PDB file of all heavy atoms in Angstrom:
ATOM      1  N   MET A   1      16.550   0.158   2.472  1.00  0.00           N
ATOM      2  CA  MET A   1      15.150   0.242   2.081  1.00  0.00           C
ATOM      3  C   MET A   1      14.678   1.683   2.210  1.00  0.00           C
ATOM      4  O   MET A   1      14.608   2.215   3.318  1.00  0.00           O
ATOM      5  CB  MET A   1      14.298  -0.688   2.957  1.00  0.00           C
ATOM      6  CG  MET A   1      14.778  -2.137   2.965  1.00  0.00           C
ATOM      7  SD  MET A   1      13.691  -3.250   3.870  1.00  0.00           S
ATOM      8  CE  MET A   1      13.880  -2.620   5.534  1.00  0.00           C
ATOM      9  N   ASN A   2      14.389   2.295   1.087  1.00  0.00           N
ATOM     10  CA  ASN A   2      13.896   3.661   1.056  1.00  0.00           C
ATOM     11  C   ASN A   2      12.462   3.683   0.550  1.00  0.00           C
ATOM     12  O   ASN A   2      12.003   2.735  -0.082  1.00  0.00           O
ATOM     13  CB  ASN A   2      14.776   4.517   0.140  1.00  0.00           C
ATOM     14  CG  ASN A   2      16.211   4.595   0.609  1.00  0.00           C
ATOM     15  OD1 ASN A   2      16.500   4.564   1.800  1.00  0.00           O
ATOM     16  ND2 ASN A   2      17.138   4.693  -0.338  1.00  0.00           N
ATOM     17  N   GLY A   3      11.782   4.766   0.803  1.00  0.00           N
ATOM     18  CA  GLY A   3      10.408   4.883   0.331  1.00  0.00           C
ATOM     19  C   GLY A   3       9.521   3.754   0.811  1.00  0.00           C
ATOM     20  O   GLY A   3       8.700   3.236   0.055  1.00  0.00           O
ATOM     21  N   LEU A   4       9.665   3.388   2.070  1.00  0.00           N
ATOM     22  CA  LEU A   4       8.936   2.235   2.586  1.00  0.00           C
ATOM     23  C   LEU A   4       7.428   2.458   2.549  1.00  0.00           C
ATOM     24  O   LEU A   4       6.939   3.589   2.767  1.00  0.00           O
ATOM     25  CB  LEU A   4       9.389   1.913   4.001  1.00  0.00           C
ATOM     26  CG  LEU A   4      10.740   1.178   4.064  1.00  0.00           C
ATOM     27  CD1 LEU A   4      11.361   1.275   5.444  1.00  0.00           C
ATOM     28  CD2 LEU A   4      10.565  -0.275   3.654  1.00  0.00           C
ATOM     29  N   LYS A   5       6.711   1.386   2.281  1.00  0.00           N
ATOM     30  CA  LYS A   5       5.258   1.405   2.192  1.00  0.00           C
ATOM     31  C   LYS A   5       4.681   0.437   3.225  1.00  0.00           C
ATOM     32  O   LYS A   5       5.360  -0.527   3.614  1.00  0.00           O
ATOM     33  CB  LYS A   5       4.818   0.969   0.797  1.00  0.00           C
ATOM     34  CG  LYS A   5       5.402   1.791  -0.335  1.00  0.00           C
ATOM     35  CD  LYS A   5       5.000   1.228  -1.680  1.00  0.00           C
ATOM     36  CE  LYS A   5       5.593   2.036  -2.828  1.00  0.00           C
ATOM     37  NZ  LYS A   5       5.206   1.495  -4.153  1.00  0.00           N
ATOM     38  N   PRO A   6       3.442   0.654   3.645  1.00  0.00           N
ATOM     39  CA  PRO A   6       2.838  -0.288   4.604  1.00  0.00           C
ATOM     40  C   PRO A   6       2.874  -1.742   4.118  1.00  0.00           C
ATOM     41  O   PRO A   6       3.021  -2.655   4.934  1.00  0.00           O
ATOM     42  CB  PRO A   6       1.405   0.229   4.717  1.00  0.00           C
ATOM     43  CG  PRO A   6       1.522   1.694   4.474  1.00  0.00           C
ATOM     44  CD  PRO A   6       2.587   1.817   3.406  1.00  0.00           C
ATOM     45  N   GLU A   7       2.796  -1.946   2.813  1.00  0.00           N
ATOM     46  CA  GLU A   7       2.823  -3.316   2.290  1.00  0.00           C
ATOM     47  C   GLU A   7       4.206  -3.960   2.376  1.00  0.00           C
ATOM     48  O   GLU A   7       4.358  -5.148   2.075  1.00  0.00           O
ATOM     49  CB  GLU A   7       2.321  -3.360   0.840  1.00  0.00           C
ATOM     50  CG  GLU A   7       2.976  -2.352  -0.088  1.00  0.00           C
ATOM     51  CD  GLU A   7       2.144  -1.086  -0.257  1.00  0.00           C
ATOM     52  OE1 GLU A   7       1.628  -0.567   0.762  1.00  0.00           O
ATOM     53  OE2 GLU A   7       2.047  -0.604  -1.406  1.00  0.00           O
ATOM     54  N   ASP A   8       5.212  -3.191   2.773  1.00  0.00           N
ATOM     55  CA  ASP A   8       6.537  -3.764   3.021  1.00  0.00           C
ATOM     56  C   ASP A   8       6.635  -4.376   4.419  1.00  0.00           C
ATOM     57  O   ASP A   8       7.646  -5.010   4.747  1.00  0.00           O
ATOM     58  CB  ASP A   8       7.626  -2.694   2.886  1.00  0.00           C
ATOM     59  CG  ASP A   8       7.754  -2.161   1.473  1.00  0.00           C
ATOM     60  OD1 ASP A   8       7.704  -2.972   0.525  1.00  0.00           O
ATOM     61  OD2 ASP A   8       7.908  -0.933   1.319  1.00  0.00           O
ATOM     62  N   THR A   9       5.608  -4.185   5.227  1.00  0.00           N
ATOM     63  CA  THR A   9       5.602  -4.742   6.573  1.00  0.00           C
ATOM     64  C   THR A   9       5.687  -6.258   6.522  1.00  0.00           C
ATOM     65  O   THR A   9       4.881  -6.918   5.861  1.00  0.00           O
ATOM     66  CB  THR A   9       4.339  -4.318   7.325  1.00  0.00           C
ATOM     67  OG1 THR A   9       4.354  -2.897   7.509  1.00  0.00           O
ATOM     68  CG2 THR A   9       4.246  -5.006   8.680  1.00  0.00           C
ATOM     69  N   ALA A  10       6.689  -6.806   7.202  1.00  0.00           N
ATOM     70  CA  ALA A  10       6.914  -8.253   7.181  1.00  0.00           C
ATOM     71  C   ALA A  10       8.092  -8.579   8.092  1.00  0.00           C
ATOM     72  O   ALA A  10       8.797  -7.685   8.559  1.00  0.00           O
ATOM     73  CB  ALA A  10       7.225  -8.728   5.763  1.00  0.00           C
ATOM     74  N   ILE A  11       8.291  -9.858   8.303  1.00  0.00           N
ATOM     75  CA  ILE A  11       9.538 -10.330   8.895  1.00  0.00           C
ATOM     76  C   ILE A  11      10.494 -10.586   7.741  1.00  0.00           C
ATOM     77  O   ILE A  11      10.145 -11.317   6.798  1.00  0.00           O
ATOM     78  CB  ILE A  11       9.331 -11.597   9.731  1.00  0.00           C
ATOM     79  CG1 ILE A  11       8.365 -11.332  10.881  1.00  0.00           C
ATOM     80  CG2 ILE A  11      10.673 -12.093  10.278  1.00  0.00           C
ATOM     81  CD1 ILE A  11       8.003 -12.571  11.673  1.00  0.00           C
ATOM     82  N   TYR A  12      11.672 -10.006   7.818  1.00  0.00           N
ATOM     83  CA  TYR A  12      12.666 -10.143   6.759  1.00  0.00           C
ATOM     84  C   TYR A  12      13.717 -11.160   7.203  1.00  0.00           C
ATOM     85  O   TYR A  12      14.288 -11.049   8.297  1.00  0.00           O
ATOM     86  CB  TYR A  12      13.317  -8.793   6.466  1.00  0.00           C
ATOM     87  CG  TYR A  12      12.421  -7.889   5.658  1.00  0.00           C
ATOM     88  CD1 TYR A  12      11.262  -7.350   6.213  1.00  0.00           C
ATOM     89  CD2 TYR A  12      12.721  -7.582   4.335  1.00  0.00           C
ATOM     90  CE1 TYR A  12      10.421  -6.532   5.463  1.00  0.00           C
ATOM     91  CE2 TYR A  12      11.892  -6.762   3.578  1.00  0.00           C
ATOM     92  CZ  TYR A  12      10.741  -6.252   4.154  1.00  0.00           C
ATOM     93  OH  TYR A  12       9.905  -5.448   3.406  1.00  0.00           O
ATOM     94  N   TYR A  13      13.972 -12.127   6.322  1.00  0.00           N
ATOM     95  CA  TYR A  13      14.908 -13.204   6.608  1.00  0.00           C
ATOM     96  C   TYR A  13      16.096 -13.123   5.661  1.00  0.00           C
ATOM     97  O   TYR A  13      15.942 -13.047   4.439  1.00  0.00           O
ATOM     98  CB  TYR A  13      14.240 -14.560   6.430  1.00  0.00           C
ATOM     99  CG  TYR A  13      13.110 -14.835   7.396  1.00  0.00           C
ATOM    100  CD1 TYR A  13      11.802 -14.522   7.061  1.00  0.00           C
ATOM    101  CD2 TYR A  13      13.366 -15.413   8.638  1.00  0.00           C
ATOM    102  CE1 TYR A  13      10.760 -14.777   7.944  1.00  0.00           C
ATOM    103  CE2 TYR A  13      12.326 -15.666   9.519  1.00  0.00           C
ATOM    104  CZ  TYR A  13      11.028 -15.343   9.163  1.00  0.00           C
ATOM    105  OH  TYR A  13      10.002 -15.604  10.039  1.00  0.00           O
ATOM    106  N   CYS A  14      17.259 -13.174   6.233  1.00  0.00           N
ATOM    107  CA  CYS A  14      18.495 -13.247   5.470  1.00  0.00           C
ATOM    108  C   CYS A  14      18.778 -14.704   5.124  1.00  0.00           C
ATOM    109  O   CYS A  14      18.474 -15.593   5.924  1.00  0.00           O
ATOM    110  CB  CYS A  14      19.602 -12.674   6.347  1.00  0.00           C
ATOM    111  SG  CYS A  14      21.279 -13.104   5.921  1.00  0.00           S
ATOM    112  N   TYR A  15      19.323 -14.945   3.951  1.00  0.00           N
ATOM    113  CA  TYR A  15      19.738 -16.306   3.623  1.00  0.00           C
ATOM    114  C   TYR A  15      21.090 -16.287   2.915  1.00  0.00           C
ATOM    115  O   TYR A  15      21.483 -15.285   2.323  1.00  0.00           O
ATOM    116  CB  TYR A  15      18.690 -17.019   2.759  1.00  0.00           C
ATOM    117  CG  TYR A  15      18.774 -16.691   1.287  1.00  0.00           C
ATOM    118  CD1 TYR A  15      19.541 -17.462   0.407  1.00  0.00           C
ATOM    119  CD2 TYR A  15      18.081 -15.599   0.765  1.00  0.00           C
ATOM    120  CE1 TYR A  15      19.620 -17.147  -0.938  1.00  0.00           C
ATOM    121  CE2 TYR A  15      18.159 -15.278  -0.577  1.00  0.00           C
ATOM    122  CZ  TYR A  15      18.922 -16.058  -1.427  1.00  0.00           C
ATOM    123  OH  TYR A  15      18.999 -15.749  -2.765  1.00  0.00           O
ATOM    124  N   VAL A  16      21.751 -17.428   3.012  1.00  0.00           N
ATOM    125  CA  VAL A  16      23.032 -17.628   2.343  1.00  0.00           C
ATOM    126  C   VAL A  16      22.963 -18.928   1.557  1.00  0.00           C
ATOM    127  O   VAL A  16      22.555 -19.944   2.108  1.00  0.00           O
ATOM    128  CB  VAL A  16      24.195 -17.692   3.351  1.00  0.00           C
ATOM    129  CG1 VAL A  16      25.431 -18.303   2.716  1.00  0.00           C
ATOM    130  CG2 VAL A  16      24.501 -16.323   3.909  1.00  0.00           C
ATOM    131  N   ALA A  17      23.346 -18.857   0.292  1.00  0.00           N
ATOM    132  CA  ALA A  17      23.494 -20.059  -0.523  1.00  0.00           C
ATOM    133  C   ALA A  17      24.989 -20.364  -0.581  1.00  0.00           C
ATOM    134  O   ALA A  17      25.750 -19.648  -1.240  1.00  0.00           O
ATOM    135  CB  ALA A  17      22.931 -19.830  -1.919  1.00  0.00           C
ATOM    136  N   ALA A  18      25.393 -21.397   0.140  1.00  0.00           N
ATOM    137  CA  ALA A  18      26.814 -21.699   0.245  1.00  0.00           C
ATOM    138  C   ALA A  18      27.297 -22.502  -0.959  1.00  0.00           C
ATOM    139  O   ALA A  18      26.516 -23.160  -1.653  1.00  0.00           O
ATOM    140  CB  ALA A  18      27.075 -22.493   1.521  1.00  0.00           C
ATOM    141  N   THR A  19      28.609 -22.459  -1.185  1.00  0.00           N
ATOM    142  CA  THR A  19      29.192 -23.223  -2.287  1.00  0.00           C
ATOM    143  C   THR A  19      29.050 -24.720  -2.060  1.00  0.00           C
ATOM    144  O   THR A  19      29.133 -25.506  -3.008  1.00  0.00           O
ATOM    145  CB  THR A  19      30.668 -22.870  -2.476  1.00  0.00           C
ATOM    146  OG1 THR A  19      31.368 -23.116  -1.248  1.00  0.00           O
ATOM    147  CG2 THR A  19      30.839 -21.410  -2.867  1.00  0.00           C
ATOM    148  N   SER A  20      28.804 -25.116  -0.817  1.00  0.00           N
ATOM    149  CA  SER A  20      28.605 -26.536  -0.505  1.00  0.00           C
ATOM    150  C   SER A  20      27.279 -27.064  -1.032  1.00  0.00           C
ATOM    151  O   SER A  20      27.059 -28.272  -1.076  1.00  0.00           O
ATOM    152  CB  SER A  20      28.643 -26.739   1.009  1.00  0.00           C
ATOM    153  OG  SER A  20      27.561 -26.040   1.618  1.00  0.00           O
ATOM    154  N   GLY A  21      26.386 -26.119  -1.380  1.00  0.00           N
ATOM    155  CA  GLY A  21      25.050 -26.506  -1.813  1.00  0.00           C
ATOM    156  C   GLY A  21      24.001 -26.349  -0.732  1.00  0.00           C
ATOM    157  O   GLY A  21      22.813 -26.495  -0.983  1.00  0.00           O
ATOM    158  N   ASN A  22      24.460 -26.062   0.472  1.00  0.00           N
ATOM    159  CA  ASN A  22      23.526 -25.850   1.576  1.00  0.00           C
ATOM    160  C   ASN A  22      23.046 -24.404   1.603  1.00  0.00           C
ATOM    161  O   ASN A  22      23.764 -23.484   1.205  1.00  0.00           O
ATOM    162  CB  ASN A  22      24.198 -26.184   2.914  1.00  0.00           C
ATOM    163  CG  ASN A  22      24.521 -27.653   3.037  1.00  0.00           C
ATOM    164  OD1 ASN A  22      23.772 -28.501   2.564  1.00  0.00           O
ATOM    165  ND2 ASN A  22      25.642 -27.962   3.657  1.00  0.00           N
ATOM    166  N   ASN A  23      21.845 -24.222   2.107  1.00  0.00           N
ATOM    167  CA  ASN A  23      21.285 -22.892   2.338  1.00  0.00           C
ATOM    168  C   ASN A  23      21.103 -22.682   3.828  1.00  0.00           C
ATOM    169  O   ASN A  23      20.745 -23.614   4.554  1.00  0.00           O
ATOM    170  CB  ASN A  23      19.935 -22.726   1.637  1.00  0.00           C
ATOM    171  CG  ASN A  23      20.074 -22.713   0.127  1.00  0.00           C
ATOM    172  OD1 ASN A  23      21.109 -22.340  -0.414  1.00  0.00           O
ATOM    173  ND2 ASN A  23      19.031 -23.136  -0.566  1.00  0.00           N
ATOM    174  N   TYR A  24      21.348 -21.459   4.268  1.00  0.00           N
ATOM    175  CA  TYR A  24      21.228 -21.127   5.680  1.00  0.00           C
ATOM    176  C   TYR A  24      20.354 -19.889   5.823  1.00  0.00           C
ATOM    177  O   TYR A  24      20.359 -19.014   4.956  1.00  0.00           O
ATOM    178  CB  TYR A  24      22.611 -20.864   6.287  1.00  0.00           C
ATOM    179  CG  TYR A  24      23.544 -22.039   6.161  1.00  0.00           C
ATOM    180  CD1 TYR A  24      24.433 -22.131   5.089  1.00  0.00           C
ATOM    181  CD2 TYR A  24      23.528 -23.072   7.097  1.00  0.00           C
ATOM    182  CE1 TYR A  24      25.278 -23.223   4.950  1.00  0.00           C
ATOM    183  CE2 TYR A  24      24.380 -24.165   6.971  1.00  0.00           C
ATOM    184  CZ  TYR A  24      25.245 -24.231   5.889  1.00  0.00           C
ATOM    185  OH  TYR A  24      26.071 -25.315   5.759  1.00  0.00           O
ATOM    186  N   TRP A  25      19.642 -19.835   6.952  1.00  0.00           N
ATOM    187  CA  TRP A  25      18.688 -18.746   7.176  1.00  0.00           C
ATOM    188  C   TRP A  25      18.958 -18.053   8.501  1.00  0.00           C
ATOM    189  O   TRP A  25      19.356 -18.693   9.483  1.00  0.00           O
ATOM    190  CB  TRP A  25      17.260 -19.297   7.197  1.00  0.00           C
ATOM    191  CG  TRP A  25      16.819 -19.809   5.874  1.00  0.00           C
ATOM    192  CD1 TRP A  25      16.990 -21.064   5.371  1.00  0.00           C
ATOM    193  CD2 TRP A  25      16.137 -19.068   4.853  1.00  0.00           C
ATOM    194  NE1 TRP A  25      16.463 -21.151   4.113  1.00  0.00           N
ATOM    195  CE2 TRP A  25      15.930 -19.944   3.763  1.00  0.00           C
ATOM    196  CE3 TRP A  25      15.683 -17.754   4.762  1.00  0.00           C
ATOM    197  CZ2 TRP A  25      15.287 -19.539   2.598  1.00  0.00           C
ATOM    198  CZ3 TRP A  25      15.046 -17.358   3.596  1.00  0.00           C
ATOM    199  CH2 TRP A  25      14.851 -18.242   2.525  1.00  0.00           C
ATOM    200  N   GLY A  26      18.710 -16.737   8.510  1.00  0.00           N
ATOM    201  CA  GLY A  26      18.759 -15.989   9.743  1.00  0.00           C
ATOM    202  C   GLY A  26      17.464 -16.157  10.535  1.00  0.00           C
ATOM    203  O   GLY A  26      16.520 -16.799  10.084  1.00  0.00           O
ATOM    204  N   GLN A  27      17.432 -15.528  11.704  1.00  0.00           N
ATOM    205  CA  GLN A  27      16.295 -15.688  12.598  1.00  0.00           C
ATOM    206  C   GLN A  27      15.139 -14.778  12.228  1.00  0.00           C
ATOM    207  O   GLN A  27      14.020 -14.954  12.714  1.00  0.00           O
ATOM    208  CB  GLN A  27      16.724 -15.411  14.049  1.00  0.00           C
ATOM    209  CG  GLN A  27      16.858 -13.932  14.428  1.00  0.00           C
ATOM    210  CD  GLN A  27      18.138 -13.297  13.916  1.00  0.00           C
ATOM    211  OE1 GLN A  27      18.954 -13.910  13.233  1.00  0.00           O
ATOM    212  NE2 GLN A  27      18.325 -12.027  14.259  1.00  0.00           N
TER     213      GLN A  27
END
């Protein structure tokens, strides 16, 4: 992430879409 702006402030969550069809989320 370059050129960050105040409006980029947030909690960022990682996710994975697995081949099984399930989705998983980070903390």
